[in-house]
């Protein structure tokens, strides 16, 4: 991609770029990926709570964007369509993780506990500074992972990704009233978790 053509493409909006991608433009795909890579990684990380998984899911999101670009009809905003892909992949990962932990616990419950080495998660790992640059952000993420996934999803989309209620309704296939209700309940749960975390922090 020449510097001039890249500069021109960067000026185009999402709808123009996805149209070019549908016509076979690889440079248009590169621009879209650069434009939304960080927001998608950030969203998925906040949802699934694991940065490595977030990277993998984000990559898979853009693979699907490239592979299935022809299915985008323009009925919804491009960002809505892209976040829908990422959300579905993130939900699948959460379900896989839940099943994995359930099977592991089931096996463990049938074994003799003598001699078992309990693996402790490495909590010292810090994601990219652009995603988590402070202790406060870490506390928020810890609190987010303690609230219901159905509430966490909409809270992240609204309060972190700054999407509209209409976009969130499209992504989650929920009524706007349900979206607003879940956001309110999620915020209440988040506030409760944050209060607990800060109490523990200052009492430590």
C-alpha atoms as a PDB file:
ATOM      1  CA  UNK A   1       0.000   0.000   0.000  1.00  0.00           C
ATOM      2  CA  UNK A   2       1.572   3.327  -1.013  1.00  0.00           C
ATOM      3  CA  UNK A   3       1.711   6.177   1.498  1.00  0.00           C
ATOM      4  CA  UNK A   4      -0.650   8.204  -0.672  1.00  0.00           C
ATOM      5  CA  UNK A   5      -3.259   5.472  -1.069  1.00  0.00           C
ATOM      6  CA  UNK A   6      -3.129   4.676   2.645  1.00  0.00           C
ATOM      7  CA  UNK A   7      -3.666   8.327   3.502  1.00  0.00           C
ATOM      8  CA  UNK A   8      -6.692   8.470   1.227  1.00  0.00           C
ATOM      9  CA  UNK A   9      -8.147   5.275   2.665  1.00  0.00           C
ATOM     10  CA  UNK A  10      -7.733   6.543   6.224  1.00  0.00           C
ATOM     11  CA  UNK A  11     -10.035   9.445   5.361  1.00  0.00           C
ATOM     12  CA  UNK A  12     -12.843   7.109   4.344  1.00  0.00           C
ATOM     13  CA  UNK A  13     -15.596   6.137   6.755  1.00  0.00           C
ATOM     14  CA  UNK A  14     -16.380   2.573   7.781  1.00  0.00           C
ATOM     15  CA  UNK A  15     -19.147   2.064   5.239  1.00  0.00           C
ATOM     16  CA  UNK A  16     -16.846   3.036   2.372  1.00  0.00           C
ATOM     17  CA  UNK A  17     -14.088   0.770   3.651  1.00  0.00           C
ATOM     18  CA  UNK A  18     -16.331  -2.271   4.087  1.00  0.00           C
ATOM     19  CA  UNK A  19     -17.661  -1.709   0.570  1.00  0.00           C
ATOM     20  CA  UNK A  20     -14.097  -1.665  -0.752  1.00  0.00           C
ATOM     21  CA  UNK A  21     -13.318  -4.804   1.241  1.00  0.00           C
ATOM     22  CA  UNK A  22     -16.316  -6.525  -0.314  1.00  0.00           C
ATOM     23  CA  UNK A  23     -14.822  -5.615  -3.674  1.00  0.00           C
ATOM     24  CA  UNK A  24     -11.571  -7.322  -2.712  1.00  0.00           C
ATOM     25  CA  UNK A  25      -9.526  -4.433  -1.312  1.00  0.00           C
ATOM     26  CA  UNK A  26      -6.963  -5.796   1.152  1.00  0.00           C
ATOM     27  CA  UNK A  27      -5.746  -2.273   2.058  1.00  0.00           C
ATOM     28  CA  UNK A  28      -9.290  -1.408   3.162  1.00  0.00           C
ATOM     29  CA  UNK A  29      -9.240  -4.422   5.478  1.00  0.00           C
ATOM     30  CA  UNK A  30      -5.908  -3.329   6.956  1.00  0.00           C
ATOM     31  CA  UNK A  31      -7.290   0.142   7.707  1.00  0.00           C
ATOM     32  CA  UNK A  32     -10.392  -1.305   9.386  1.00  0.00           C
ATOM     33  CA  UNK A  33      -8.263  -3.641  11.473  1.00  0.00           C
ATOM     34  CA  UNK A  34      -5.961  -0.826  12.577  1.00  0.00           C
ATOM     35  CA  UNK A  35      -8.947   1.360  13.369  1.00  0.00           C
ATOM     36  CA  UNK A  36     -10.712  -1.169  15.587  1.00  0.00           C
ATOM     37  CA  UNK A  37      -8.010  -3.507  16.878  1.00  0.00           C
ATOM     38  CA  UNK A  38      -7.514  -1.756  20.222  1.00  0.00           C
ATOM     39  CA  UNK A  39     -11.230  -1.121  20.937  1.00  0.00           C
ATOM     40  CA  UNK A  40     -12.075  -4.769  20.216  1.00  0.00           C
ATOM     41  CA  UNK A  41      -9.213  -6.085  22.354  1.00  0.00           C
ATOM     42  CA  UNK A  42     -10.237  -3.759  25.178  1.00  0.00           C
ATOM     43  CA  UNK A  43     -13.890  -4.803  24.980  1.00  0.00           C
ATOM     44  CA  UNK A  44     -13.149  -8.529  24.878  1.00  0.00           C
ATOM     45  CA  UNK A  45     -10.609  -8.292  27.709  1.00  0.00           C
ATOM     46  CA  UNK A  46     -13.141  -6.501  29.904  1.00  0.00           C
ATOM     47  CA  UNK A  47     -15.669  -9.209  29.089  1.00  0.00           C
ATOM     48  CA  UNK A  48     -13.608 -12.412  29.418  1.00  0.00           C
ATOM     49  CA  UNK A  49     -10.989 -11.184  31.890  1.00  0.00           C
ATOM     50  CA  UNK A  50      -7.970 -12.785  30.219  1.00  0.00           C
ATOM     51  CA  UNK A  51      -5.701 -10.714  27.998  1.00  0.00           C
ATOM     52  CA  UNK A  52      -4.284 -13.644  26.001  1.00  0.00           C
ATOM     53  CA  UNK A  53      -7.811 -14.854  25.254  1.00  0.00           C
ATOM     54  CA  UNK A  54      -8.780 -11.307  24.311  1.00  0.00           C
ATOM     55  CA  UNK A  55      -5.965 -11.154  21.751  1.00  0.00           C
ATOM     56  CA  UNK A  56      -6.999 -14.505  20.264  1.00  0.00           C
ATOM     57  CA  UNK A  57     -10.676 -13.539  20.100  1.00  0.00           C
ATOM     58  CA  UNK A  58      -9.857 -10.170  18.542  1.00  0.00           C
ATOM     59  CA  UNK A  59      -7.749 -11.884  15.879  1.00  0.00           C
ATOM     60  CA  UNK A  60     -10.571 -14.330  15.187  1.00  0.00           C
ATOM     61  CA  UNK A  61     -12.994 -11.406  14.960  1.00  0.00           C
ATOM     62  CA  UNK A  62     -10.965  -9.826  12.172  1.00  0.00           C
ATOM     63  CA  UNK A  63     -10.487 -13.164  10.429  1.00  0.00           C
ATOM     64  CA  UNK A  64     -14.275 -13.444  10.312  1.00  0.00           C
ATOM     65  CA  UNK A  65     -14.614  -9.838   9.205  1.00  0.00           C
ATOM     66  CA  UNK A  66     -12.381 -10.640   6.245  1.00  0.00           C
ATOM     67  CA  UNK A  67     -13.980 -13.993   5.475  1.00  0.00           C
ATOM     68  CA  UNK A  68     -17.616 -12.933   5.808  1.00  0.00           C
ATOM     69  CA  UNK A  69     -17.472  -9.297   4.720  1.00  0.00           C
ATOM     70  CA  UNK A  70     -19.874 -10.104   1.871  1.00  0.00           C
ATOM     71  CA  UNK A  71     -22.604 -10.874   4.424  1.00  0.00           C
ATOM     72  CA  UNK A  72     -22.602  -7.297   5.715  1.00  0.00           C
ATOM     73  CA  UNK A  73     -25.624  -5.585   4.179  1.00  0.00           C
ATOM     74  CA  UNK A  74     -25.497  -2.170   5.823  1.00  0.00           C
ATOM     75  CA  UNK A  75     -28.734  -2.694   7.745  1.00  0.00           C
ATOM     76  CA  UNK A  76     -26.833  -1.853  10.946  1.00  0.00           C
ATOM     77  CA  UNK A  77     -23.743   0.254  11.611  1.00  0.00           C
ATOM     78  CA  UNK A  78     -20.461  -1.444  10.798  1.00  0.00           C
ATOM     79  CA  UNK A  79     -19.336  -1.148  14.425  1.00  0.00           C
ATOM     80  CA  UNK A  80     -22.531  -2.862  15.582  1.00  0.00           C
ATOM     81  CA  UNK A  81     -21.861  -5.741  13.201  1.00  0.00           C
ATOM     82  CA  UNK A  82     -18.207  -5.997  14.266  1.00  0.00           C
ATOM     83  CA  UNK A  83     -18.994  -5.928  17.984  1.00  0.00           C
ATOM     84  CA  UNK A  84     -21.655  -8.584  17.428  1.00  0.00           C
ATOM     85  CA  UNK A  85     -18.993 -10.894  15.990  1.00  0.00           C
ATOM     86  CA  UNK A  86     -16.649 -10.175  18.905  1.00  0.00           C
ATOM     87  CA  UNK A  87     -19.424 -10.606  21.477  1.00  0.00           C
ATOM     88  CA  UNK A  88     -20.493 -13.982  20.114  1.00  0.00           C
ATOM     89  CA  UNK A  89     -16.900 -15.229  20.085  1.00  0.00           C
ATOM     90  CA  UNK A  90     -16.352 -13.956  23.634  1.00  0.00           C
ATOM     91  CA  UNK A  91     -19.511 -15.700  24.858  1.00  0.00           C
ATOM     92  CA  UNK A  92     -18.338 -18.939  23.246  1.00  0.00           C
ATOM     93  CA  UNK A  93     -14.981 -18.622  25.014  1.00  0.00           C
ATOM     94  CA  UNK A  94     -16.685 -18.002  28.364  1.00  0.00           C
ATOM     95  CA  UNK A  95     -18.872 -21.078  27.856  1.00  0.00           C
ATOM     96  CA  UNK A  96     -15.813 -23.205  26.980  1.00  0.00           C
ATOM     97  CA  UNK A  97     -13.990 -21.913  30.041  1.00  0.00           C
ATOM     98  CA  UNK A  98     -16.978 -22.676  32.275  1.00  0.00           C
ATOM     99  CA  UNK A  99     -17.254 -26.228  30.915  1.00  0.00           C
ATOM    100  CA  UNK A 100     -13.515 -26.769  31.342  1.00  0.00           C
ATOM    101  CA  UNK A 101     -13.593 -25.650  34.966  1.00  0.00           C
ATOM    102  CA  UNK A 102     -16.721 -27.704  35.648  1.00  0.00           C
ATOM    103  CA  UNK A 103     -15.104 -30.876  34.269  1.00  0.00           C
ATOM    104  CA  UNK A 104     -11.895 -30.179  36.188  1.00  0.00           C
ATOM    105  CA  UNK A 105     -13.807 -29.701  39.443  1.00  0.00           C
ATOM    106  CA  UNK A 106     -15.862 -32.835  38.804  1.00  0.00           C
ATOM    107  CA  UNK A 107     -12.702 -34.904  38.302  1.00  0.00           C
ATOM    108  CA  UNK A 108     -11.076 -33.386  41.356  1.00  0.00           C
ATOM    109  CA  UNK A 109     -14.036 -34.185  43.584  1.00  0.00           C
ATOM    110  CA  UNK A 110     -13.617 -37.885  42.759  1.00  0.00           C
ATOM    111  CA  UNK A 111      -9.894 -37.972  43.556  1.00  0.00           C
ATOM    112  CA  UNK A 112      -8.028 -38.297  46.817  1.00  0.00           C
ATOM    113  CA  UNK A 113      -7.050 -34.780  47.858  1.00  0.00           C
ATOM    114  CA  UNK A 114      -3.796 -35.993  49.475  1.00  0.00           C
ATOM    115  CA  UNK A 115      -0.810 -34.941  47.411  1.00  0.00           C
ATOM    116  CA  UNK A 116      -2.767 -32.616  45.126  1.00  0.00           C
ATOM    117  CA  UNK A 117      -0.820 -29.550  44.078  1.00  0.00           C
ATOM    118  CA  UNK A 118      -3.152 -26.590  43.840  1.00  0.00           C
ATOM    119  CA  UNK A 119      -2.289 -24.246  41.007  1.00  0.00           C
ATOM    120  CA  UNK A 120      -2.459 -20.580  41.927  1.00  0.00           C
ATOM    121  CA  UNK A 121      -3.241 -18.146  39.148  1.00  0.00           C
ATOM    122  CA  UNK A 122      -0.499 -15.652  38.412  1.00  0.00           C
ATOM    123  CA  UNK A 123      -2.028 -12.349  39.430  1.00  0.00           C
ATOM    124  CA  UNK A 124       1.151 -10.403  38.763  1.00  0.00           C
ATOM    125  CA  UNK A 125       0.545 -10.367  34.999  1.00  0.00           C
ATOM    126  CA  UNK A 126      -0.376  -6.914  33.796  1.00  0.00           C
ATOM    127  CA  UNK A 127      -1.938  -6.384  30.343  1.00  0.00           C
ATOM    128  CA  UNK A 128      -0.823  -3.668  27.958  1.00  0.00           C
ATOM    129  CA  UNK A 129      -0.578  -0.330  29.740  1.00  0.00           C
ATOM    130  CA  UNK A 130      -3.056   1.146  27.298  1.00  0.00           C
ATOM    131  CA  UNK A 131      -5.650  -1.314  28.579  1.00  0.00           C
ATOM    132  CA  UNK A 132      -4.782  -1.414  32.287  1.00  0.00           C
ATOM    133  CA  UNK A 133      -2.423   1.353  33.360  1.00  0.00           C
ATOM    134  CA  UNK A 134      -3.333   1.796  37.020  1.00  0.00           C
ATOM    135  CA  UNK A 135      -4.356   0.024  40.192  1.00  0.00           C
ATOM    136  CA  UNK A 136      -7.827   1.544  39.864  1.00  0.00           C
ATOM    137  CA  UNK A 137      -8.272  -0.017  36.429  1.00  0.00           C
ATOM    138  CA  UNK A 138      -7.210  -3.387  37.844  1.00  0.00           C
ATOM    139  CA  UNK A 139      -9.730  -3.056  40.647  1.00  0.00           C
ATOM    140  CA  UNK A 140     -12.464  -2.194  38.167  1.00  0.00           C
ATOM    141  CA  UNK A 141     -11.587  -5.235  36.065  1.00  0.00           C
ATOM    142  CA  UNK A 142     -11.611  -7.484  39.131  1.00  0.00           C
ATOM    143  CA  UNK A 143     -15.026  -6.110  40.061  1.00  0.00           C
ATOM    144  CA  UNK A 144     -16.313  -6.520  36.502  1.00  0.00           C
ATOM    145  CA  UNK A 145     -15.422 -10.208  36.511  1.00  0.00           C
ATOM    146  CA  UNK A 146     -17.469 -10.699  39.680  1.00  0.00           C
ATOM    147  CA  UNK A 147     -20.759  -9.504  38.210  1.00  0.00           C
ATOM    148  CA  UNK A 148     -23.126 -11.566  36.080  1.00  0.00           C
ATOM    149  CA  UNK A 149     -21.854 -12.017  32.477  1.00  0.00           C
ATOM    150  CA  UNK A 150     -25.185 -10.811  31.064  1.00  0.00           C
ATOM    151  CA  UNK A 151     -24.814  -7.576  33.031  1.00  0.00           C
ATOM    152  CA  UNK A 152     -21.071  -7.287  32.422  1.00  0.00           C
ATOM    153  CA  UNK A 153     -21.609  -7.466  28.667  1.00  0.00           C
ATOM    154  CA  UNK A 154     -23.937  -4.456  28.503  1.00  0.00           C
ATOM    155  CA  UNK A 155     -22.048  -2.404  31.099  1.00  0.00           C
ATOM    156  CA  UNK A 156     -18.810  -2.773  29.132  1.00  0.00           C
ATOM    157  CA  UNK A 157     -20.515  -1.928  25.838  1.00  0.00           C
ATOM    158  CA  UNK A 158     -22.183   1.151  27.333  1.00  0.00           C
ATOM    159  CA  UNK A 159     -19.769   2.567  29.908  1.00  0.00           C
ATOM    160  CA  UNK A 160     -16.407   1.529  28.480  1.00  0.00           C
ATOM    161  CA  UNK A 161     -17.023   1.260  24.744  1.00  0.00           C
ATOM    162  CA  UNK A 162     -19.526   4.156  24.813  1.00  0.00           C
ATOM    163  CA  UNK A 163     -22.006   2.496  22.458  1.00  0.00           C
ATOM    164  CA  UNK A 164     -25.579   3.737  22.229  1.00  0.00           C
ATOM    165  CA  UNK A 165     -28.519   1.837  23.707  1.00  0.00           C
ATOM    166  CA  UNK A 166     -29.694   1.157  20.161  1.00  0.00           C
ATOM    167  CA  UNK A 167     -26.352  -0.363  19.147  1.00  0.00           C
ATOM    168  CA  UNK A 168     -26.236  -2.504  22.275  1.00  0.00           C
ATOM    169  CA  UNK A 169     -29.770  -3.726  21.592  1.00  0.00           C
ATOM    170  CA  UNK A 170     -28.705  -4.735  18.069  1.00  0.00           C
ATOM    171  CA  UNK A 171     -25.575  -6.514  19.321  1.00  0.00           C
ATOM    172  CA  UNK A 172     -27.300  -8.397  22.125  1.00  0.00           C
ATOM    173  CA  UNK A 173     -30.642  -8.902  20.302  1.00  0.00           C
ATOM    174  CA  UNK A 174     -32.425  -7.487  23.348  1.00  0.00           C
ATOM    175  CA  UNK A 175     -35.161  -4.889  23.631  1.00  0.00           C
ATOM    176  CA  UNK A 176     -33.872  -1.425  24.550  1.00  0.00           C
ATOM    177  CA  UNK A 177     -35.843  -1.544  27.800  1.00  0.00           C
ATOM    178  CA  UNK A 178     -34.111  -4.792  28.738  1.00  0.00           C
ATOM    179  CA  UNK A 179     -30.735  -3.315  27.821  1.00  0.00           C
ATOM    180  CA  UNK A 180     -31.313  -0.306  30.083  1.00  0.00           C
ATOM    181  CA  UNK A 181     -32.528  -2.532  32.907  1.00  0.00           C
ATOM    182  CA  UNK A 182     -29.468  -4.792  32.671  1.00  0.00           C
ATOM    183  CA  UNK A 183     -27.144  -1.795  32.561  1.00  0.00           C
ATOM    184  CA  UNK A 184     -28.704  -0.371  35.718  1.00  0.00           C
ATOM    185  CA  UNK A 185     -28.505  -3.712  37.515  1.00  0.00           C
ATOM    186  CA  UNK A 186     -24.968  -4.268  36.268  1.00  0.00           C
ATOM    187  CA  UNK A 187     -23.871  -0.845  37.488  1.00  0.00           C
ATOM    188  CA  UNK A 188     -25.401  -1.574  40.884  1.00  0.00           C
ATOM    189  CA  UNK A 189     -23.574  -4.918  41.080  1.00  0.00           C
ATOM    190  CA  UNK A 190     -20.337  -3.268  39.945  1.00  0.00           C
ATOM    191  CA  UNK A 191     -20.637  -0.516  42.545  1.00  0.00           C
ATOM    192  CA  UNK A 192     -21.233  -3.108  45.253  1.00  0.00           C
ATOM    193  CA  UNK A 193     -18.192  -5.129  44.175  1.00  0.00           C
ATOM    194  CA  UNK A 194     -16.000  -2.020  44.023  1.00  0.00           C
ATOM    195  CA  UNK A 195     -17.032  -0.993  47.526  1.00  0.00           C
ATOM    196  CA  UNK A 196     -16.109  -4.452  48.795  1.00  0.00           C
ATOM    197  CA  UNK A 197     -12.750  -4.394  47.000  1.00  0.00           C
ATOM    198  CA  UNK A 198     -11.820  -0.949  48.316  1.00  0.00           C
ATOM    199  CA  UNK A 199     -12.809  -1.924  51.850  1.00  0.00           C
ATOM    200  CA  UNK A 200     -10.552  -4.965  51.595  1.00  0.00           C
ATOM    201  CA  UNK A 201      -7.746  -2.821  50.166  1.00  0.00           C
ATOM    202  CA  UNK A 202      -7.826  -0.251  52.970  1.00  0.00           C
ATOM    203  CA  UNK A 203      -8.278  -2.851  55.701  1.00  0.00           C
ATOM    204  CA  UNK A 204      -5.312  -4.898  54.463  1.00  0.00           C
END
